Amino acid sequence: MLLDFDPDVTGFASQPFRLHWLDEERARTHVPDFFARLADGTGVVIDVRADDRIEPVDAAAFAATELACDEVGWSFRRVGVIDPVFVANVRWLSRYRHPRCSHRGDITNRLLEVFTTRMPLFDGARAVGDTLAVLPALFHLLWCQVLAADLETVPLGPSSQVALGRLR
């Protein structure tokens, strides 16, 4: 879901390949969690494991994967525990990722006009029209990152500050 939300990711696959190598003791294998193709054409291999769950054998597998990635011109990234507020916010917005949520152009255009100035989410929705009719389009624009809110530190809600583009 987070790869789907990342605007730099153009495609991804889970468990994309099995890496085989020999260590000092035996033949080893590892299946990374994800491969992502980025907009600039580069690739990144991603393993997901919480820091406190990495045993020495896991660290060796990640090191071997990173070395193999370097050999083929990909980058390697290990991701630990992701902030639960961010995950919850992106999970909510993912429900509105489909273009059918963008509604009619008039609602979208009006949202873009209203949020040229940062304001609370519900205030902006009310300024456009019936809140229940407007919210799917607003959430879709947040998913597409045409509109932005602080998704990392506070749960998305009626008072969340929303504006065009990135808030930073």
N, C-alpha and C. Protein backbone atom coordinates (compact mmCIF):
# COMPACT_ATOMS: atom_id res chain seq x y z
N MET A 1 0.83 -1.19 0.00
CA MET A 1 0.00 0.00 0.00
C MET A 1 0.88 1.26 0.00
N LEU A 2 1.97 1.24 0.80
CA LEU A 2 2.83 2.41 0.84
C LEU A 2 3.61 2.58 -0.46
N LEU A 3 3.95 1.48 -1.13
CA LEU A 3 4.59 1.59 -2.44
C LEU A 3 3.62 2.18 -3.45
N ASP A 4 2.37 1.80 -3.35
CA ASP A 4 1.34 2.33 -4.25
C ASP A 4 1.13 3.83 -4.02
N PHE A 5 1.34 4.28 -2.80
CA PHE A 5 1.16 5.68 -2.44
C PHE A 5 2.36 6.54 -2.84
N ASP A 6 3.53 5.93 -2.98
CA ASP A 6 4.76 6.67 -3.28
C ASP A 6 4.74 7.15 -4.73
N PRO A 7 4.76 8.46 -4.97
CA PRO A 7 4.68 8.97 -6.34
C PRO A 7 5.91 8.64 -7.19
N ASP A 8 7.02 8.25 -6.57
CA ASP A 8 8.22 7.88 -7.32
C ASP A 8 8.18 6.43 -7.81
N VAL A 9 7.25 5.64 -7.29
CA VAL A 9 7.16 4.23 -7.67
C VAL A 9 6.18 4.07 -8.83
N THR A 10 6.68 3.49 -9.93
CA THR A 10 5.81 3.28 -11.10
C THR A 10 5.29 1.85 -11.19
N GLY A 11 5.92 0.93 -10.48
CA GLY A 11 5.47 -0.46 -10.46
C GLY A 11 6.22 -1.21 -9.38
N PHE A 12 5.64 -2.30 -8.91
CA PHE A 12 6.31 -3.10 -7.89
C PHE A 12 5.79 -4.52 -7.91
N ALA A 13 6.58 -5.43 -7.35
CA ALA A 13 6.21 -6.83 -7.24
C ALA A 13 6.64 -7.34 -5.88
N SER A 14 5.84 -8.23 -5.31
CA SER A 14 6.21 -8.82 -4.03
C SER A 14 6.96 -10.13 -4.29
N GLN A 15 7.87 -10.45 -3.40
CA GLN A 15 8.73 -11.63 -3.48
C GLN A 15 9.21 -11.86 -4.91
N PRO A 16 9.98 -10.90 -5.44
CA PRO A 16 10.30 -10.87 -6.87
C PRO A 16 11.30 -11.92 -7.35
N PHE A 17 12.16 -12.42 -6.46
CA PHE A 17 13.16 -13.40 -6.89
C PHE A 17 13.73 -14.09 -5.67
N ARG A 18 14.46 -15.20 -5.93
CA ARG A 18 15.17 -15.90 -4.86
C ARG A 18 16.66 -15.76 -5.15
N LEU A 19 17.38 -15.22 -4.19
CA LEU A 19 18.82 -15.03 -4.30
C LEU A 19 19.51 -16.26 -3.71
N HIS A 20 20.51 -16.81 -4.42
CA HIS A 20 21.29 -17.96 -3.96
C HIS A 20 22.75 -17.54 -3.81
N TRP A 21 23.41 -17.95 -2.72
CA TRP A 21 24.82 -17.68 -2.53
C TRP A 21 25.39 -18.67 -1.53
N LEU A 22 26.70 -18.71 -1.48
CA LEU A 22 27.40 -19.58 -0.52
C LEU A 22 28.03 -18.71 0.55
N ASP A 23 27.80 -19.06 1.80
CA ASP A 23 28.53 -18.38 2.87
C ASP A 23 29.65 -19.32 3.33
N GLU A 24 30.28 -19.05 4.46
CA GLU A 24 31.39 -19.87 4.93
C GLU A 24 30.97 -21.29 5.29
N GLU A 25 29.68 -21.50 5.57
CA GLU A 25 29.24 -22.80 6.07
C GLU A 25 28.38 -23.59 5.10
N ARG A 26 27.53 -22.89 4.29
CA ARG A 26 26.57 -23.64 3.48
C ARG A 26 25.97 -22.76 2.38
N ALA A 27 25.17 -23.39 1.55
CA ALA A 27 24.42 -22.65 0.53
C ALA A 27 23.28 -21.92 1.21
N ARG A 28 23.05 -20.69 0.82
CA ARG A 28 21.99 -19.87 1.42
C ARG A 28 21.07 -19.35 0.34
N THR A 29 19.85 -19.02 0.73
CA THR A 29 18.89 -18.37 -0.16
C THR A 29 18.14 -17.31 0.62
N HIS A 30 17.64 -16.35 -0.13
CA HIS A 30 16.82 -15.29 0.47
C HIS A 30 15.84 -14.77 -0.58
N VAL A 31 14.61 -14.56 -0.18
CA VAL A 31 13.61 -13.98 -1.05
C VAL A 31 13.26 -12.60 -0.50
N PRO A 32 13.69 -11.53 -1.19
CA PRO A 32 13.34 -10.18 -0.71
C PRO A 32 11.83 -9.97 -0.75
N ASP A 33 11.38 -9.01 0.02
CA ASP A 33 9.94 -8.76 0.11
C ASP A 33 9.37 -8.06 -1.12
N PHE A 34 10.09 -7.06 -1.66
CA PHE A 34 9.56 -6.28 -2.78
C PHE A 34 10.67 -5.85 -3.73
N PHE A 35 10.27 -5.66 -4.98
CA PHE A 35 11.09 -4.95 -5.96
C PHE A 35 10.22 -3.81 -6.47
N ALA A 36 10.77 -2.61 -6.55
CA ALA A 36 10.03 -1.46 -7.05
C ALA A 36 10.81 -0.80 -8.18
N ARG A 37 10.10 -0.44 -9.23
CA ARG A 37 10.68 0.35 -10.32
C ARG A 37 10.31 1.80 -10.05
N LEU A 38 11.30 2.67 -10.09
CA LEU A 38 11.07 4.09 -9.81
C LEU A 38 10.90 4.87 -11.11
N ALA A 39 10.35 6.05 -10.99
CA ALA A 39 10.06 6.89 -12.16
C ALA A 39 11.31 7.22 -12.97
N ASP A 40 12.45 7.27 -12.32
CA ASP A 40 13.69 7.57 -13.04
C ASP A 40 14.29 6.34 -13.72
N GLY A 41 13.59 5.21 -13.64
CA GLY A 41 14.03 3.98 -14.29
C GLY A 41 14.85 3.06 -13.42
N THR A 42 15.27 3.53 -12.26
CA THR A 42 16.08 2.68 -11.38
C THR A 42 15.19 1.70 -10.63
N GLY A 43 15.84 0.70 -10.05
CA GLY A 43 15.13 -0.30 -9.28
C GLY A 43 15.60 -0.29 -7.84
N VAL A 44 14.72 -0.69 -6.97
CA VAL A 44 15.06 -0.81 -5.55
C VAL A 44 14.45 -2.11 -5.01
N VAL A 45 15.27 -2.85 -4.29
CA VAL A 45 14.83 -4.08 -3.62
C VAL A 45 14.60 -3.72 -2.16
N ILE A 46 13.48 -4.18 -1.63
CA ILE A 46 13.09 -3.78 -0.28
C ILE A 46 12.83 -5.02 0.57
N ASP A 47 13.43 -5.04 1.74
CA ASP A 47 13.12 -6.05 2.75
C ASP A 47 12.49 -5.34 3.93
N VAL A 48 11.48 -5.96 4.49
CA VAL A 48 10.75 -5.38 5.61
C VAL A 48 10.98 -6.26 6.84
N ARG A 49 11.61 -5.68 7.84
CA ARG A 49 11.85 -6.41 9.08
C ARG A 49 12.12 -5.42 10.18
N ALA A 50 11.42 -5.55 11.28
CA ALA A 50 11.63 -4.68 12.44
C ALA A 50 13.04 -4.85 12.97
N ASP A 51 13.64 -3.77 13.43
CA ASP A 51 15.01 -3.80 13.94
C ASP A 51 15.20 -4.87 15.01
N ASP A 52 14.23 -5.00 15.91
CA ASP A 52 14.38 -5.94 17.02
C ASP A 52 14.14 -7.40 16.61
N ARG A 53 13.86 -7.63 15.34
CA ARG A 53 13.64 -9.00 14.85
C ARG A 53 14.72 -9.45 13.87
N ILE A 54 15.82 -8.72 13.84
CA ILE A 54 16.90 -9.09 12.92
C ILE A 54 17.93 -9.92 13.67
N GLU A 55 17.99 -11.19 13.30
CA GLU A 55 18.99 -12.11 13.84
C GLU A 55 20.25 -12.01 12.96
N PRO A 56 21.37 -12.52 13.42
CA PRO A 56 22.58 -12.48 12.60
C PRO A 56 22.41 -13.11 11.21
N VAL A 57 21.67 -14.18 11.11
CA VAL A 57 21.45 -14.82 9.82
C VAL A 57 20.65 -13.90 8.88
N ASP A 58 19.72 -13.12 9.45
CA ASP A 58 18.96 -12.15 8.66
C ASP A 58 19.86 -11.03 8.18
N ALA A 59 20.70 -10.53 9.08
CA ALA A 59 21.62 -9.44 8.72
C ALA A 59 22.54 -9.89 7.58
N ALA A 60 22.98 -11.15 7.62
CA ALA A 60 23.83 -11.67 6.55
C ALA A 60 23.06 -11.74 5.23
N ALA A 61 21.79 -12.14 5.29
CA ALA A 61 20.95 -12.21 4.09
C ALA A 61 20.73 -10.82 3.51
N PHE A 62 20.50 -9.85 4.36
CA PHE A 62 20.31 -8.47 3.88
C PHE A 62 21.60 -7.94 3.26
N ALA A 63 22.74 -8.26 3.87
CA ALA A 63 24.02 -7.82 3.32
C ALA A 63 24.29 -8.46 1.96
N ALA A 64 23.98 -9.74 1.83
CA ALA A 64 24.16 -10.42 0.54
C ALA A 64 23.22 -9.84 -0.52
N THR A 65 22.01 -9.52 -0.12
CA THR A 65 21.05 -8.93 -1.05
C THR A 65 21.52 -7.55 -1.50
N GLU A 66 22.02 -6.77 -0.56
CA GLU A 66 22.52 -5.44 -0.92
C GLU A 66 23.71 -5.54 -1.88
N LEU A 67 24.59 -6.49 -1.65
CA LEU A 67 25.74 -6.69 -2.53
C LEU A 67 25.27 -7.09 -3.93
N ALA A 68 24.31 -8.01 -4.02
CA ALA A 68 23.78 -8.43 -5.32
C ALA A 68 23.10 -7.26 -6.03
N CYS A 69 22.37 -6.45 -5.28
CA CYS A 69 21.72 -5.27 -5.87
C CYS A 69 22.76 -4.31 -6.44
N ASP A 70 23.83 -4.08 -5.70
CA ASP A 70 24.90 -3.21 -6.19
C ASP A 70 25.47 -3.72 -7.51
N GLU A 71 25.59 -5.04 -7.61
CA GLU A 71 26.16 -5.65 -8.82
C GLU A 71 25.31 -5.39 -10.07
N VAL A 72 24.00 -5.29 -9.90
CA VAL A 72 23.12 -5.09 -11.06
C VAL A 72 22.61 -3.66 -11.19
N GLY A 73 23.09 -2.77 -10.32
CA GLY A 73 22.71 -1.36 -10.43
C GLY A 73 21.41 -0.98 -9.76
N TRP A 74 20.95 -1.82 -8.86
CA TRP A 74 19.76 -1.49 -8.08
C TRP A 74 20.19 -1.00 -6.70
N SER A 75 19.28 -0.33 -6.02
CA SER A 75 19.54 0.01 -4.62
C SER A 75 18.81 -0.99 -3.74
N PHE A 76 19.23 -1.04 -2.50
CA PHE A 76 18.61 -1.93 -1.51
C PHE A 76 18.17 -1.10 -0.33
N ARG A 77 17.01 -1.42 0.18
CA ARG A 77 16.48 -0.69 1.33
C ARG A 77 15.85 -1.70 2.29
N ARG A 78 16.22 -1.61 3.58
CA ARG A 78 15.52 -2.39 4.58
C ARG A 78 14.64 -1.44 5.37
N VAL A 79 13.40 -1.78 5.48
CA VAL A 79 12.44 -0.95 6.17
C VAL A 79 12.05 -1.64 7.48
N GLY A 80 12.05 -0.87 8.55
CA GLY A 80 11.65 -1.41 9.84
C GLY A 80 10.18 -1.14 10.10
N VAL A 81 9.85 -0.89 11.33
CA VAL A 81 8.47 -0.60 11.70
C VAL A 81 8.10 0.79 11.20
N ILE A 82 6.98 0.87 10.52
CA ILE A 82 6.52 2.15 9.98
C ILE A 82 5.56 2.77 10.98
N ASP A 83 5.63 4.08 11.10
CA ASP A 83 4.79 4.80 12.07
C ASP A 83 3.32 4.43 11.88
N PRO A 84 2.66 4.00 12.95
CA PRO A 84 1.26 3.57 12.83
C PRO A 84 0.30 4.67 12.41
N VAL A 85 0.58 5.92 12.76
CA VAL A 85 -0.29 7.03 12.34
C VAL A 85 -0.22 7.18 10.83
N PHE A 86 0.98 7.15 10.27
CA PHE A 86 1.15 7.27 8.83
C PHE A 86 0.46 6.11 8.11
N VAL A 87 0.65 4.91 8.61
CA VAL A 87 0.03 3.73 7.98
C VAL A 87 -1.49 3.84 8.03
N ALA A 88 -2.03 4.26 9.15
CA ALA A 88 -3.49 4.39 9.26
C ALA A 88 -4.02 5.45 8.30
N ASN A 89 -3.32 6.57 8.19
CA ASN A 89 -3.77 7.62 7.28
C ASN A 89 -3.71 7.17 5.83
N VAL A 90 -2.63 6.54 5.44
CA VAL A 90 -2.51 6.07 4.06
C VAL A 90 -3.52 4.95 3.78
N ARG A 91 -3.73 4.08 4.76
CA ARG A 91 -4.75 3.02 4.58
C ARG A 91 -6.12 3.64 4.33
N TRP A 92 -6.46 4.67 5.09
CA TRP A 92 -7.75 5.34 4.89
C TRP A 92 -7.83 5.92 3.47
N LEU A 93 -6.80 6.65 3.08
CA LEU A 93 -6.81 7.28 1.76
C LEU A 93 -6.81 6.25 0.63
N SER A 94 -6.22 5.08 0.87
CA SER A 94 -6.16 4.06 -0.18
C SER A 94 -7.55 3.61 -0.61
N ARG A 95 -8.52 3.78 0.24
CA ARG A 95 -9.90 3.43 -0.11
C ARG A 95 -10.45 4.35 -1.20
N TYR A 96 -9.78 5.46 -1.42
CA TYR A 96 -10.23 6.46 -2.39
C TYR A 96 -9.26 6.58 -3.57
N ARG A 97 -8.45 5.57 -3.80
CA ARG A 97 -7.44 5.65 -4.87
C ARG A 97 -8.04 5.53 -6.26
N HIS A 98 -9.16 4.85 -6.39
CA HIS A 98 -9.74 4.61 -7.70
C HIS A 98 -10.24 5.92 -8.32
N PRO A 99 -10.02 6.10 -9.62
CA PRO A 99 -10.46 7.34 -10.27
C PRO A 99 -11.96 7.63 -10.12
N ARG A 100 -12.77 6.61 -9.88
CA ARG A 100 -14.21 6.86 -9.72
C ARG A 100 -14.48 7.80 -8.54
N CYS A 101 -13.53 7.89 -7.62
CA CYS A 101 -13.70 8.76 -6.45
C CYS A 101 -13.44 10.23 -6.79
N SER A 102 -12.88 10.49 -7.96
CA SER A 102 -12.57 11.87 -8.30
C SER A 102 -13.83 12.66 -8.65
N HIS A 103 -14.92 11.97 -8.89
CA HIS A 103 -16.21 12.61 -9.18
C HIS A 103 -16.17 13.49 -10.41
N ARG A 104 -17.07 14.40 -10.43
CA ARG A 104 -17.15 15.33 -11.56
C ARG A 104 -16.04 16.37 -11.46
N GLY A 105 -15.67 16.88 -12.61
CA GLY A 105 -14.62 17.88 -12.67
C GLY A 105 -14.93 19.13 -11.88
N ASP A 106 -16.22 19.48 -11.77
CA ASP A 106 -16.55 20.72 -11.06
C ASP A 106 -16.19 20.63 -9.59
N ILE A 107 -16.39 19.46 -8.96
CA ILE A 107 -16.02 19.30 -7.55
C ILE A 107 -14.50 19.36 -7.42
N THR A 108 -13.81 18.64 -8.26
CA THR A 108 -12.34 18.64 -8.21
C THR A 108 -11.79 20.04 -8.44
N ASN A 109 -12.27 20.70 -9.46
CA ASN A 109 -11.79 22.06 -9.73
C ASN A 109 -12.04 22.99 -8.57
N ARG A 110 -13.20 22.88 -7.98
CA ARG A 110 -13.54 23.75 -6.84
C ARG A 110 -12.64 23.44 -5.64
N LEU A 111 -12.36 22.15 -5.39
CA LEU A 111 -11.45 21.79 -4.29
C LEU A 111 -10.07 22.40 -4.50
N LEU A 112 -9.60 22.36 -5.73
CA LEU A 112 -8.29 22.94 -6.03
C LEU A 112 -8.28 24.45 -5.80
N GLU A 113 -9.38 25.10 -6.08
CA GLU A 113 -9.49 26.54 -5.81
C GLU A 113 -9.52 26.82 -4.31
N VAL A 114 -10.35 26.06 -3.59
CA VAL A 114 -10.54 26.30 -2.16
C VAL A 114 -9.25 26.07 -1.38
N PHE A 115 -8.51 25.01 -1.75
CA PHE A 115 -7.33 24.67 -0.97
C PHE A 115 -6.05 25.35 -1.46
N THR A 116 -6.19 26.41 -2.25
CA THR A 116 -4.99 27.22 -2.54
C THR A 116 -4.52 27.88 -1.26
N THR A 117 -5.43 28.03 -0.31
CA THR A 117 -5.10 28.51 1.03
C THR A 117 -5.27 27.34 1.98
N ARG A 118 -4.29 27.10 2.83
CA ARG A 118 -4.36 26.01 3.80
C ARG A 118 -5.54 26.23 4.73
N MET A 119 -6.32 25.15 4.92
CA MET A 119 -7.46 25.23 5.84
C MET A 119 -7.83 23.83 6.31
N PRO A 120 -8.67 23.75 7.36
CA PRO A 120 -9.11 22.45 7.85
C PRO A 120 -9.90 21.68 6.78
N LEU A 121 -9.71 20.37 6.77
CA LEU A 121 -10.30 19.49 5.78
C LEU A 121 -11.82 19.70 5.63
N PHE A 122 -12.56 19.63 6.73
CA PHE A 122 -14.02 19.76 6.65
C PHE A 122 -14.45 21.16 6.23
N ASP A 123 -13.72 22.20 6.66
CA ASP A 123 -14.07 23.56 6.24
C ASP A 123 -13.96 23.69 4.73
N GLY A 124 -12.90 23.12 4.17
CA GLY A 124 -12.73 23.17 2.72
C GLY A 124 -13.80 22.37 1.99
N ALA A 125 -14.13 21.20 2.53
CA ALA A 125 -15.18 20.38 1.91
C ALA A 125 -16.51 21.12 1.93
N ARG A 126 -16.85 21.74 3.07
CA ARG A 126 -18.11 22.48 3.18
C ARG A 126 -18.15 23.68 2.23
N ALA A 127 -17.00 24.28 2.01
CA ALA A 127 -16.94 25.44 1.10
C ALA A 127 -17.25 25.04 -0.34
N VAL A 128 -17.05 23.78 -0.66
CA VAL A 128 -17.29 23.30 -2.03
C VAL A 128 -18.74 22.86 -2.20
N GLY A 129 -19.33 22.30 -1.16
CA GLY A 129 -20.71 21.82 -1.28
C GLY A 129 -21.05 20.83 -0.19
N ASP A 130 -21.96 19.92 -0.51
CA ASP A 130 -22.39 18.88 0.43
C ASP A 130 -21.18 18.04 0.83
N THR A 131 -20.84 18.06 2.11
CA THR A 131 -19.63 17.41 2.60
C THR A 131 -19.56 15.94 2.18
N LEU A 132 -20.66 15.21 2.32
CA LEU A 132 -20.64 13.79 1.97
C LEU A 132 -20.40 13.56 0.48
N ALA A 133 -20.82 14.47 -0.34
CA ALA A 133 -20.59 14.35 -1.79
C ALA A 133 -19.17 14.77 -2.16
N VAL A 134 -18.59 15.67 -1.38
CA VAL A 134 -17.28 16.24 -1.70
C VAL A 134 -16.13 15.39 -1.15
N LEU A 135 -16.32 14.75 0.01
CA LEU A 135 -15.21 14.05 0.67
C LEU A 135 -14.53 12.98 -0.19
N PRO A 136 -15.27 12.15 -0.94
CA PRO A 136 -14.54 11.17 -1.77
C PRO A 136 -13.56 11.82 -2.75
N ALA A 137 -13.96 12.91 -3.36
CA ALA A 137 -13.05 13.61 -4.29
C ALA A 137 -11.88 14.22 -3.53
N LEU A 138 -12.13 14.77 -2.36
CA LEU A 138 -11.07 15.36 -1.55
C LEU A 138 -10.06 14.29 -1.13
N PHE A 139 -10.55 13.13 -0.66
CA PHE A 139 -9.66 12.05 -0.26
C PHE A 139 -8.89 11.50 -1.47
N HIS A 140 -9.53 11.46 -2.62
CA HIS A 140 -8.85 11.01 -3.84
C HIS A 140 -7.70 11.96 -4.18
N LEU A 141 -7.93 13.25 -4.06
CA LEU A 141 -6.87 14.22 -4.33
C LEU A 141 -5.74 14.12 -3.31
N LEU A 142 -6.07 13.78 -2.07
CA LEU A 142 -5.03 13.53 -1.06
C LEU A 142 -4.25 12.27 -1.41
N TRP A 143 -4.94 11.22 -1.85
CA TRP A 143 -4.27 9.98 -2.26
C TRP A 143 -3.31 10.26 -3.42
N CYS A 144 -3.77 11.03 -4.40
CA CYS A 144 -2.94 11.34 -5.57
C CYS A 144 -1.87 12.39 -5.26
N GLN A 145 -1.91 12.94 -4.07
CA GLN A 145 -0.97 13.94 -3.58
C GLN A 145 -1.03 15.24 -4.37
N VAL A 146 -2.21 15.50 -4.94
CA VAL A 146 -2.49 16.81 -5.53
C VAL A 146 -2.76 17.79 -4.38
N LEU A 147 -3.48 17.29 -3.37
CA LEU A 147 -3.66 18.00 -2.10
C LEU A 147 -2.78 17.31 -1.07
N ALA A 148 -2.39 18.04 -0.04
CA ALA A 148 -1.51 17.48 0.98
C ALA A 148 -2.02 17.81 2.37
N ALA A 149 -1.73 16.89 3.28
CA ALA A 149 -2.02 17.08 4.71
C ALA A 149 -0.89 16.41 5.48
N ASP A 150 -0.78 16.72 6.74
CA ASP A 150 0.23 16.07 7.58
C ASP A 150 -0.27 14.66 7.88
N LEU A 151 0.26 13.68 7.19
CA LEU A 151 -0.16 12.29 7.37
C LEU A 151 0.75 11.55 8.34
N GLU A 152 1.85 12.19 8.72
CA GLU A 152 2.86 11.48 9.51
C GLU A 152 2.72 11.63 11.01
N THR A 153 2.12 12.72 11.47
CA THR A 153 2.15 12.94 12.93
C THR A 153 0.78 12.93 13.59
N VAL A 154 -0.29 13.19 12.84
CA VAL A 154 -1.62 13.21 13.44
C VAL A 154 -2.60 12.44 12.57
N PRO A 155 -3.58 11.78 13.20
CA PRO A 155 -4.59 11.09 12.40
C PRO A 155 -5.37 12.09 11.54
N LEU A 156 -5.64 11.69 10.31
CA LEU A 156 -6.41 12.52 9.39
C LEU A 156 -7.82 12.68 9.94
N GLY A 157 -8.28 13.92 9.99
CA GLY A 157 -9.61 14.17 10.54
C GLY A 157 -10.16 15.50 10.07
N PRO A 158 -11.32 15.88 10.58
CA PRO A 158 -12.00 17.09 10.15
C PRO A 158 -11.16 18.36 10.26
N SER A 159 -10.28 18.41 11.25
CA SER A 159 -9.48 19.63 11.45
C SER A 159 -8.09 19.56 10.82
N SER A 160 -7.78 18.46 10.14
CA SER A 160 -6.47 18.34 9.47
C SER A 160 -6.28 19.47 8.48
N GLN A 161 -5.14 20.12 8.52
CA GLN A 161 -4.83 21.20 7.59
C GLN A 161 -4.51 20.63 6.21
N VAL A 162 -5.19 21.13 5.19
CA VAL A 162 -5.03 20.64 3.83
C VAL A 162 -4.67 21.84 2.94
N ALA A 163 -3.79 21.58 1.97
CA ALA A 163 -3.39 22.61 1.01
C ALA A 163 -2.98 21.94 -0.30
N LEU A 164 -2.79 22.74 -1.32
CA LEU A 164 -2.30 22.22 -2.59
C LEU A 164 -0.88 21.68 -2.41
N GLY A 165 -0.55 20.59 -3.09
CA GLY A 165 0.81 20.06 -3.12
C GLY A 165 1.31 19.61 -1.77
N ARG A 166 2.60 19.63 -1.61
CA ARG A 166 3.22 19.21 -0.36
C ARG A 166 3.21 20.36 0.65
N LEU A 167 3.02 20.02 1.91
CA LEU A 167 2.96 21.05 2.96
C LEU A 167 4.35 21.51 3.40
N ARG A 168 5.38 20.74 3.07
CA ARG A 168 6.72 21.10 3.52
C ARG A 168 7.41 21.99 2.56
